Amino acid sequence: MAADWINANVPGGSTLAMTWLPYCPTLDLETTRDGLTSYFRGNSPALAALRRSWSTRPAYRLVNLEVWRQQPLVPEPLSG
């Protein structure tokens, strides 16, 4: 339910901060898509199929807040 809500209400490309990653909603991540695009580089039919599949689902950037620390750790480029 959480993933459905995020996909319906949070724009693709947004950065999401989460804790307890094993228990977080499963979302499409930009880094995963980048890796798949790189892996299938040169395979036009596979890339076309991936892009068709992705066209209906947003992807996000993910920041793990690392809850075991005294204070959440936010990567410096995102701590503005």
PDB file of N, CA and C in Angstrom:
ATOM      1  N   MET A   1       0.819  -1.187   0.000  1.00  0.00           N
ATOM      2  CA  MET A   1       0.000   0.000   0.000  1.00  0.00           C
ATOM      3  C   MET A   1       0.868   1.257   0.000  1.00  0.00           C
ATOM      4  N   ALA A   2       1.966   1.217   0.747  1.00  0.00           N
ATOM      5  CA  ALA A   2       2.837   2.398   0.810  1.00  0.00           C
ATOM      6  C   ALA A   2       3.440   2.696  -0.556  1.00  0.00           C
ATOM      7  N   ALA A   3       3.907   1.662  -1.248  1.00  0.00           N
ATOM      8  CA  ALA A   3       4.498   1.861  -2.572  1.00  0.00           C
ATOM      9  C   ALA A   3       3.469   2.425  -3.541  1.00  0.00           C
ATOM     10  N   ASP A   4       2.245   1.914  -3.478  1.00  0.00           N
ATOM     11  CA  ASP A   4       1.187   2.430  -4.353  1.00  0.00           C
ATOM     12  C   ASP A   4       0.927   3.911  -4.078  1.00  0.00           C
ATOM     13  N   TRP A   5       0.895   4.284  -2.793  1.00  0.00           N
ATOM     14  CA  TRP A   5       0.656   5.681  -2.438  1.00  0.00           C
ATOM     15  C   TRP A   5       1.795   6.558  -2.950  1.00  0.00           C
ATOM     16  N   ILE A   6       3.042   6.128  -2.737  1.00  0.00           N
ATOM     17  CA  ILE A   6       4.200   6.909  -3.193  1.00  0.00           C
ATOM     18  C   ILE A   6       4.139   7.089  -4.704  1.00  0.00           C
ATOM     19  N   ASN A   7       3.924   5.989  -5.438  1.00  0.00           N
ATOM     20  CA  ASN A   7       3.875   6.071  -6.900  1.00  0.00           C
ATOM     21  C   ASN A   7       2.776   7.001  -7.389  1.00  0.00           C
ATOM     22  N   ALA A   8       1.660   7.071  -6.662  1.00  0.00           N
ATOM     23  CA  ALA A   8       0.537   7.922  -7.082  1.00  0.00           C
ATOM     24  C   ALA A   8       0.708   9.382  -6.676  1.00  0.00           C
ATOM     25  N   ASN A   9       1.520   9.652  -5.646  1.00  0.00           N
ATOM     26  CA  ASN A   9       1.555  11.008  -5.085  1.00  0.00           C
ATOM     27  C   ASN A   9       2.912  11.703  -5.083  1.00  0.00           C
ATOM     28  N   VAL A  10       3.984  10.977  -5.321  1.00  0.00           N
ATOM     29  CA  VAL A  10       5.323  11.570  -5.293  1.00  0.00           C
ATOM     30  C   VAL A  10       5.882  11.545  -6.718  1.00  0.00           C
ATOM     31  N   PRO A  11       6.303  12.694  -7.236  1.00  0.00           N
ATOM     32  CA  PRO A  11       6.806  12.743  -8.616  1.00  0.00           C
ATOM     33  C   PRO A  11       8.041  11.862  -8.817  1.00  0.00           C
ATOM     34  N   GLY A  12       8.099  11.204  -9.955  1.00  0.00           N
ATOM     35  CA  GLY A  12       9.285  10.442 -10.319  1.00  0.00           C
ATOM     36  C   GLY A  12      10.503  11.340 -10.303  1.00  0.00           C
ATOM     37  N   GLY A  13      11.645  10.781  -9.939  1.00  0.00           N
ATOM     38  CA  GLY A  13      12.874  11.545  -9.857  1.00  0.00           C
ATOM     39  C   GLY A  13      13.100  12.171  -8.496  1.00  0.00           C
ATOM     40  N   SER A  14      12.084  12.106  -7.636  1.00  0.00           N
ATOM     41  CA  SER A  14      12.231  12.658  -6.285  1.00  0.00           C
ATOM     42  C   SER A  14      13.216  11.820  -5.476  1.00  0.00           C
ATOM     43  N   THR A  15      13.830  12.457  -4.490  1.00  0.00           N
ATOM     44  CA  THR A  15      14.698  11.747  -3.558  1.00  0.00           C
ATOM     45  C   THR A  15      13.884  11.409  -2.319  1.00  0.00           C
ATOM     46  N   LEU A  16      13.902  10.145  -1.963  1.00  0.00           N
ATOM     47  CA  LEU A  16      13.179   9.671  -0.785  1.00  0.00           C
ATOM     48  C   LEU A  16      14.179   9.230   0.268  1.00  0.00           C
ATOM     49  N   ALA A  17      13.967   9.657   1.483  1.00  0.00           N
ATOM     50  CA  ALA A  17      14.807   9.232   2.598  1.00  0.00           C
ATOM     51  C   ALA A  17      14.049   8.174   3.375  1.00  0.00           C
ATOM     52  N   MET A  18      14.698   7.033   3.596  1.00  0.00           N
ATOM     53  CA  MET A  18      14.039   5.943   4.304  1.00  0.00           C
ATOM     54  C   MET A  18      14.979   5.346   5.337  1.00  0.00           C
ATOM     55  N   THR A  19      14.378   4.696   6.291  1.00  0.00           N
ATOM     56  CA  THR A  19      15.127   3.946   7.290  1.00  0.00           C
ATOM     57  C   THR A  19      14.629   2.507   7.272  1.00  0.00           C
ATOM     58  N   TRP A  20      15.367   1.641   7.895  1.00  0.00           N
ATOM     59  CA  TRP A  20      14.993   0.223   7.949  1.00  0.00           C
ATOM     60  C   TRP A  20      14.699  -0.312   6.558  1.00  0.00           C
ATOM     61  N   LEU A  21      15.659  -0.179   5.656  1.00  0.00           N
ATOM     62  CA  LEU A  21      15.449  -0.505   4.243  1.00  0.00           C
ATOM     63  C   LEU A  21      14.828  -1.874   3.982  1.00  0.00           C
ATOM     64  N   PRO A  22      15.149  -2.916   4.759  1.00  0.00           N
ATOM     65  CA  PRO A  22      14.495  -4.203   4.449  1.00  0.00           C
ATOM     66  C   PRO A  22      12.973  -4.155   4.584  1.00  0.00           C
ATOM     67  N   TYR A  23      12.475  -3.185   5.334  1.00  0.00           N
ATOM     68  CA  TYR A  23      11.041  -3.099   5.585  1.00  0.00           C
ATOM     69  C   TYR A  23      10.378  -1.957   4.825  1.00  0.00           C
ATOM     70  N   CYS A  24      11.113  -1.279   3.976  1.00  0.00           N
ATOM     71  CA  CYS A  24      10.580  -0.161   3.205  1.00  0.00           C
ATOM     72  C   CYS A  24       9.778  -0.681   2.013  1.00  0.00           C
ATOM     73  N   PRO A  25       8.894   0.132   1.480  1.00  0.00           N
ATOM     74  CA  PRO A  25       8.160  -0.290   0.288  1.00  0.00           C
ATOM     75  C   PRO A  25       9.116  -0.498  -0.880  1.00  0.00           C
ATOM     76  N   THR A  26       8.785  -1.439  -1.727  1.00  0.00           N
ATOM     77  CA  THR A  26       9.593  -1.723  -2.906  1.00  0.00           C
ATOM     78  C   THR A  26       9.221  -0.734  -4.004  1.00  0.00           C
ATOM     79  N   LEU A  27      10.203   0.037  -4.431  1.00  0.00           N
ATOM     80  CA  LEU A  27       9.998   1.066  -5.451  1.00  0.00           C
ATOM     81  C   LEU A  27      11.016   0.892  -6.562  1.00  0.00           C
ATOM     82  N   ASP A  28      10.701   1.402  -7.743  1.00  0.00           N
ATOM     83  CA  ASP A  28      11.688   1.459  -8.819  1.00  0.00           C
ATOM     84  C   ASP A  28      12.701   2.545  -8.475  1.00  0.00           C
ATOM     85  N   LEU A  29      13.977   2.218  -8.630  1.00  0.00           N
ATOM     86  CA  LEU A  29      15.038   3.171  -8.318  1.00  0.00           C
ATOM     87  C   LEU A  29      15.757   3.589  -9.590  1.00  0.00           C
ATOM     88  N   GLU A  30      16.128   4.862  -9.647  1.00  0.00           N
ATOM     89  CA  GLU A  30      16.849   5.366 -10.818  1.00  0.00           C
ATOM     90  C   GLU A  30      18.168   4.632 -11.009  1.00  0.00           C
ATOM     91  N   THR A  31      18.858   4.287  -9.914  1.00  0.00           N
ATOM     92  CA  THR A  31      20.149   3.601 -10.045  1.00  0.00           C
ATOM     93  C   THR A  31      19.973   2.221 -10.681  1.00  0.00           C
ATOM     94  N   THR A  32      18.887   1.548 -10.355  1.00  0.00           N
ATOM     95  CA  THR A  32      18.618   0.242 -10.966  1.00  0.00           C
ATOM     96  C   THR A  32      18.367   0.402 -12.455  1.00  0.00           C
ATOM     97  N   ARG A  33      17.578   1.393 -12.799  1.00  0.00           N
ATOM     98  CA  ARG A  33      17.299   1.626 -14.226  1.00  0.00           C
ATOM     99  C   ARG A  33      18.567   1.997 -14.975  1.00  0.00           C
ATOM    100  N   ASP A  34      19.411   2.807 -14.368  1.00  0.00           N
ATOM    101  CA  ASP A  34      20.678   3.170 -15.010  1.00  0.00           C
ATOM    102  C   ASP A  34      21.527   1.925 -15.261  1.00  0.00           C
ATOM    103  N   GLY A  35      21.583   1.040 -14.275  1.00  0.00           N
ATOM    104  CA  GLY A  35      22.358  -0.192 -14.420  1.00  0.00           C
ATOM    105  C   GLY A  35      21.814  -1.091 -15.514  1.00  0.00           C
ATOM    106  N   LEU A  36      20.500  -1.233 -15.582  1.00  0.00           N
ATOM    107  CA  LEU A  36      19.904  -2.057 -16.626  1.00  0.00           C
ATOM    108  C   LEU A  36      20.116  -1.451 -18.008  1.00  0.00           C
ATOM    109  N   THR A  37      19.996  -0.126 -18.094  1.00  0.00           N
ATOM    110  CA  THR A  37      20.236   0.543 -19.375  1.00  0.00           C
ATOM    111  C   THR A  37      21.668   0.304 -19.839  1.00  0.00           C
ATOM    112  N   SER A  38      22.605   0.394 -18.918  1.00  0.00           N
ATOM    113  CA  SER A  38      24.008   0.156 -19.255  1.00  0.00           C
ATOM    114  C   SER A  38      24.235  -1.304 -19.671  1.00  0.00           C
ATOM    115  N   TYR A  39      23.643  -2.231 -18.925  1.00  0.00           N
ATOM    116  CA  TYR A  39      23.823  -3.658 -19.213  1.00  0.00           C
ATOM    117  C   TYR A  39      23.294  -4.029 -20.594  1.00  0.00           C
ATOM    118  N   PHE A  40      22.135  -3.480 -20.963  1.00  0.00           N
ATOM    119  CA  PHE A  40      21.516  -3.815 -22.239  1.00  0.00           C
ATOM    120  C   PHE A  40      21.883  -2.845 -23.358  1.00  0.00           C
ATOM    121  N   ARG A  41      22.894  -2.005 -23.121  1.00  0.00           N
ATOM    122  CA  ARG A  41      23.362  -1.082 -24.154  1.00  0.00           C
ATOM    123  C   ARG A  41      23.710  -1.907 -25.401  1.00  0.00           C
ATOM    124  N   GLY A  42      23.228  -1.497 -26.518  1.00  0.00           N
ATOM    125  CA  GLY A  42      23.490  -2.217 -27.758  1.00  0.00           C
ATOM    126  C   GLY A  42      22.415  -3.237 -28.090  1.00  0.00           C
ATOM    127  N   ASN A  43      21.486  -3.483 -27.181  1.00  0.00           N
ATOM    128  CA  ASN A  43      20.379  -4.410 -27.432  1.00  0.00           C
ATOM    129  C   ASN A  43      19.102  -3.574 -27.538  1.00  0.00           C
ATOM    130  N   SER A  44      18.870  -3.041 -28.716  1.00  0.00           N
ATOM    131  CA  SER A  44      17.747  -2.118 -28.916  1.00  0.00           C
ATOM    132  C   SER A  44      16.391  -2.704 -28.543  1.00  0.00           C
ATOM    133  N   PRO A  45      16.093  -3.964 -28.905  1.00  0.00           N
ATOM    134  CA  PRO A  45      14.781  -4.501 -28.512  1.00  0.00           C
ATOM    135  C   PRO A  45      14.605  -4.574 -26.986  1.00  0.00           C
ATOM    136  N   ALA A  46      15.644  -4.972 -26.275  1.00  0.00           N
ATOM    137  CA  ALA A  46      15.553  -5.049 -24.814  1.00  0.00           C
ATOM    138  C   ALA A  46      15.379  -3.662 -24.211  1.00  0.00           C
ATOM    139  N   LEU A  47      16.140  -2.691 -24.699  1.00  0.00           N
ATOM    140  CA  LEU A  47      16.009  -1.323 -24.184  1.00  0.00           C
ATOM    141  C   LEU A  47      14.617  -0.764 -24.459  1.00  0.00           C
ATOM    142  N   ALA A  48      14.081  -1.046 -25.632  1.00  0.00           N
ATOM    143  CA  ALA A  48      12.743  -0.566 -25.970  1.00  0.00           C
ATOM    144  C   ALA A  48      11.705  -1.190 -25.035  1.00  0.00           C
ATOM    145  N   ALA A  49      11.848  -2.482 -24.739  1.00  0.00           N
ATOM    146  CA  ALA A  49      10.913  -3.156 -23.831  1.00  0.00           C
ATOM    147  C   ALA A  49      11.017  -2.574 -22.425  1.00  0.00           C
ATOM    148  N   LEU A  50      12.232  -2.323 -21.957  1.00  0.00           N
ATOM    149  CA  LEU A  50      12.408  -1.726 -20.638  1.00  0.00           C
ATOM    150  C   LEU A  50      11.762  -0.344 -20.578  1.00  0.00           C
ATOM    151  N   ARG A  51      12.020   0.463 -21.571  1.00  0.00           N
ATOM    152  CA  ARG A  51      11.477   1.825 -21.573  1.00  0.00           C
ATOM    153  C   ARG A  51       9.955   1.828 -21.632  1.00  0.00           C
ATOM    154  N   ARG A  52       9.375   0.871 -22.366  1.00  0.00           N
ATOM    155  CA  ARG A  52       7.905   0.762 -22.392  1.00  0.00           C
ATOM    156  C   ARG A  52       7.387   0.419 -20.993  1.00  0.00           C
ATOM    157  N   SER A  53       8.054  -0.524 -20.355  1.00  0.00           N
ATOM    158  CA  SER A  53       7.651  -0.933 -19.003  1.00  0.00           C
ATOM    159  C   SER A  53       7.790   0.226 -18.017  1.00  0.00           C
ATOM    160  N   TRP A  54       8.878   0.968 -18.126  1.00  0.00           N
ATOM    161  CA  TRP A  54       9.134   2.071 -17.212  1.00  0.00           C
ATOM    162  C   TRP A  54       8.233   3.276 -17.449  1.00  0.00           C
ATOM    163  N   SER A  55       7.657   3.388 -18.627  1.00  0.00           N
ATOM    164  CA  SER A  55       6.875   4.585 -18.966  1.00  0.00           C
ATOM    165  C   SER A  55       5.634   4.734 -18.085  1.00  0.00           C
ATOM    166  N   THR A  56       5.205   3.667 -17.458  1.00  0.00           N
ATOM    167  CA  THR A  56       4.000   3.735 -16.628  1.00  0.00           C
ATOM    168  C   THR A  56       4.307   3.777 -15.134  1.00  0.00           C
ATOM    169  N   ARG A  57       5.593   3.735 -14.770  1.00  0.00           N
ATOM    170  CA  ARG A  57       5.964   3.713 -13.349  1.00  0.00           C
ATOM    171  C   ARG A  57       7.082   4.713 -13.092  1.00  0.00           C
ATOM    172  N   PRO A  58       6.952   5.535 -12.054  1.00  0.00           N
ATOM    173  CA  PRO A  58       8.030   6.463 -11.711  1.00  0.00           C
ATOM    174  C   PRO A  58       9.192   5.731 -11.054  1.00  0.00           C
ATOM    175  N   ALA A  59      10.350   6.358 -11.065  1.00  0.00           N
ATOM    176  CA  ALA A  59      11.531   5.844 -10.362  1.00  0.00           C
ATOM    177  C   ALA A  59      12.058   6.956  -9.454  1.00  0.00           C
ATOM    178  N   TYR A  60      12.739   6.545  -8.395  1.00  0.00           N
ATOM    179  CA  TYR A  60      13.164   7.481  -7.362  1.00  0.00           C
ATOM    180  C   TYR A  60      14.635   7.308  -7.024  1.00  0.00           C
ATOM    181  N   ARG A  61      15.193   8.343  -6.394  1.00  0.00           N
ATOM    182  CA  ARG A  61      16.515   8.255  -5.771  1.00  0.00           C
ATOM    183  C   ARG A  61      16.266   7.924  -4.304  1.00  0.00           C
ATOM    184  N   LEU A  62      17.111   7.115  -3.715  1.00  0.00           N
ATOM    185  CA  LEU A  62      16.888   6.681  -2.343  1.00  0.00           C
ATOM    186  C   LEU A  62      18.062   7.068  -1.462  1.00  0.00           C
ATOM    187  N   VAL A  63      17.757   7.610  -0.295  1.00  0.00           N
ATOM    188  CA  VAL A  63      18.765   7.926   0.715  1.00  0.00           C
ATOM    189  C   VAL A  63      18.430   7.103   1.952  1.00  0.00           C
ATOM    190  N   ASN A  64      19.390   6.304   2.400  1.00  0.00           N
ATOM    191  CA  ASN A  64      19.231   5.519   3.624  1.00  0.00           C
ATOM    192  C   ASN A  64      19.675   6.386   4.794  1.00  0.00           C
ATOM    193  N   LEU A  65      18.789   6.643   5.726  1.00  0.00           N
ATOM    194  CA  LEU A  65      19.111   7.521   6.844  1.00  0.00           C
ATOM    195  C   LEU A  65      19.917   6.830   7.951  1.00  0.00           C
ATOM    196  N   GLU A  66      20.170   5.555   7.817  1.00  0.00           N
ATOM    197  CA  GLU A  66      21.025   4.820   8.758  1.00  0.00           C
ATOM    198  C   GLU A  66      20.602   5.063  10.211  1.00  0.00           C
ATOM    199  N   VAL A  67      19.525   4.452  10.597  1.00  0.00           N
ATOM    200  CA  VAL A  67      18.918   4.710  11.896  1.00  0.00           C
ATOM    201  C   VAL A  67      19.747   4.250  13.094  1.00  0.00           C
ATOM    202  N   TRP A  68      20.776   3.457  12.877  1.00  0.00           N
ATOM    203  CA  TRP A  68      21.567   2.994  14.018  1.00  0.00           C
ATOM    204  C   TRP A  68      22.523   4.062  14.531  1.00  0.00           C
ATOM    205  N   ARG A  69      22.573   5.195  13.915  1.00  0.00           N
ATOM    206  CA  ARG A  69      23.421   6.293  14.373  1.00  0.00           C
ATOM    207  C   ARG A  69      22.656   7.167  15.353  1.00  0.00           C
ATOM    208  N   GLN A  70      23.371   7.936  16.135  1.00  0.00           N
ATOM    209  CA  GLN A  70      22.740   8.871  17.064  1.00  0.00           C
ATOM    210  C   GLN A  70      21.896   9.903  16.315  1.00  0.00           C
ATOM    211  N   GLN A  71      22.430  10.397  15.220  1.00  0.00           N
ATOM    212  CA  GLN A  71      21.723  11.350  14.374  1.00  0.00           C
ATOM    213  C   GLN A  71      21.641  10.753  12.973  1.00  0.00           C
ATOM    214  N   PRO A  72      20.539  10.986  12.258  1.00  0.00           N
ATOM    215  CA  PRO A  72      20.474  10.487  10.878  1.00  0.00           C
ATOM    216  C   PRO A  72      21.631  11.031  10.050  1.00  0.00           C
ATOM    217  N   LEU A  73      22.151  10.197   9.177  1.00  0.00           N
ATOM    218  CA  LEU A  73      23.238  10.592   8.291  1.00  0.00           C
ATOM    219  C   LEU A  73      22.656  10.876   6.914  1.00  0.00           C
ATOM    220  N   VAL A  74      22.731  12.114   6.509  1.00  0.00           N
ATOM    221  CA  VAL A  74      22.256  12.525   5.197  1.00  0.00           C
ATOM    222  C   VAL A  74      23.474  12.841   4.348  1.00  0.00           C
ATOM    223  N   PRO A  75      23.612  12.231   3.147  1.00  0.00           N
ATOM    224  CA  PRO A  75      24.764  12.535   2.304  1.00  0.00           C
ATOM    225  C   PRO A  75      24.899  14.032   2.066  1.00  0.00           C
ATOM    226  N   GLU A  76      26.112  14.518   2.100  1.00  0.00           N
ATOM    227  CA  GLU A  76      26.383  15.961   2.021  1.00  0.00           C
ATOM    228  C   GLU A  76      25.716  16.642   0.824  1.00  0.00           C
ATOM    229  N   PRO A  77      25.740  16.032  -0.392  1.00  0.00           N
ATOM    230  CA  PRO A  77      25.088  16.715  -1.527  1.00  0.00           C
ATOM    231  C   PRO A  77      23.581  16.908  -1.340  1.00  0.00           C
ATOM    232  N   LEU A  78      22.966  16.132  -0.441  1.00  0.00           N
ATOM    233  CA  LEU A  78      21.519  16.228  -0.240  1.00  0.00           C
ATOM    234  C   LEU A  78      21.154  16.947   1.040  1.00  0.00           C
ATOM    235  N   SER A  79      22.125  17.462   1.753  1.00  0.00           N
ATOM    236  CA  SER A  79      21.842  18.050   3.059  1.00  0.00           C
ATOM    237  C   SER A  79      21.655  19.559   2.989  1.00  0.00           C
ATOM    238  N   GLY A  80      21.026  20.040   1.994  1.00  0.00           N
ATOM    239  CA  GLY A  80      20.882  21.470   1.814  1.00  0.00           C
ATOM    240  C   GLY A  80      19.730  22.011   2.487  1.00  0.00           C
TER     241      GLY A  80
END
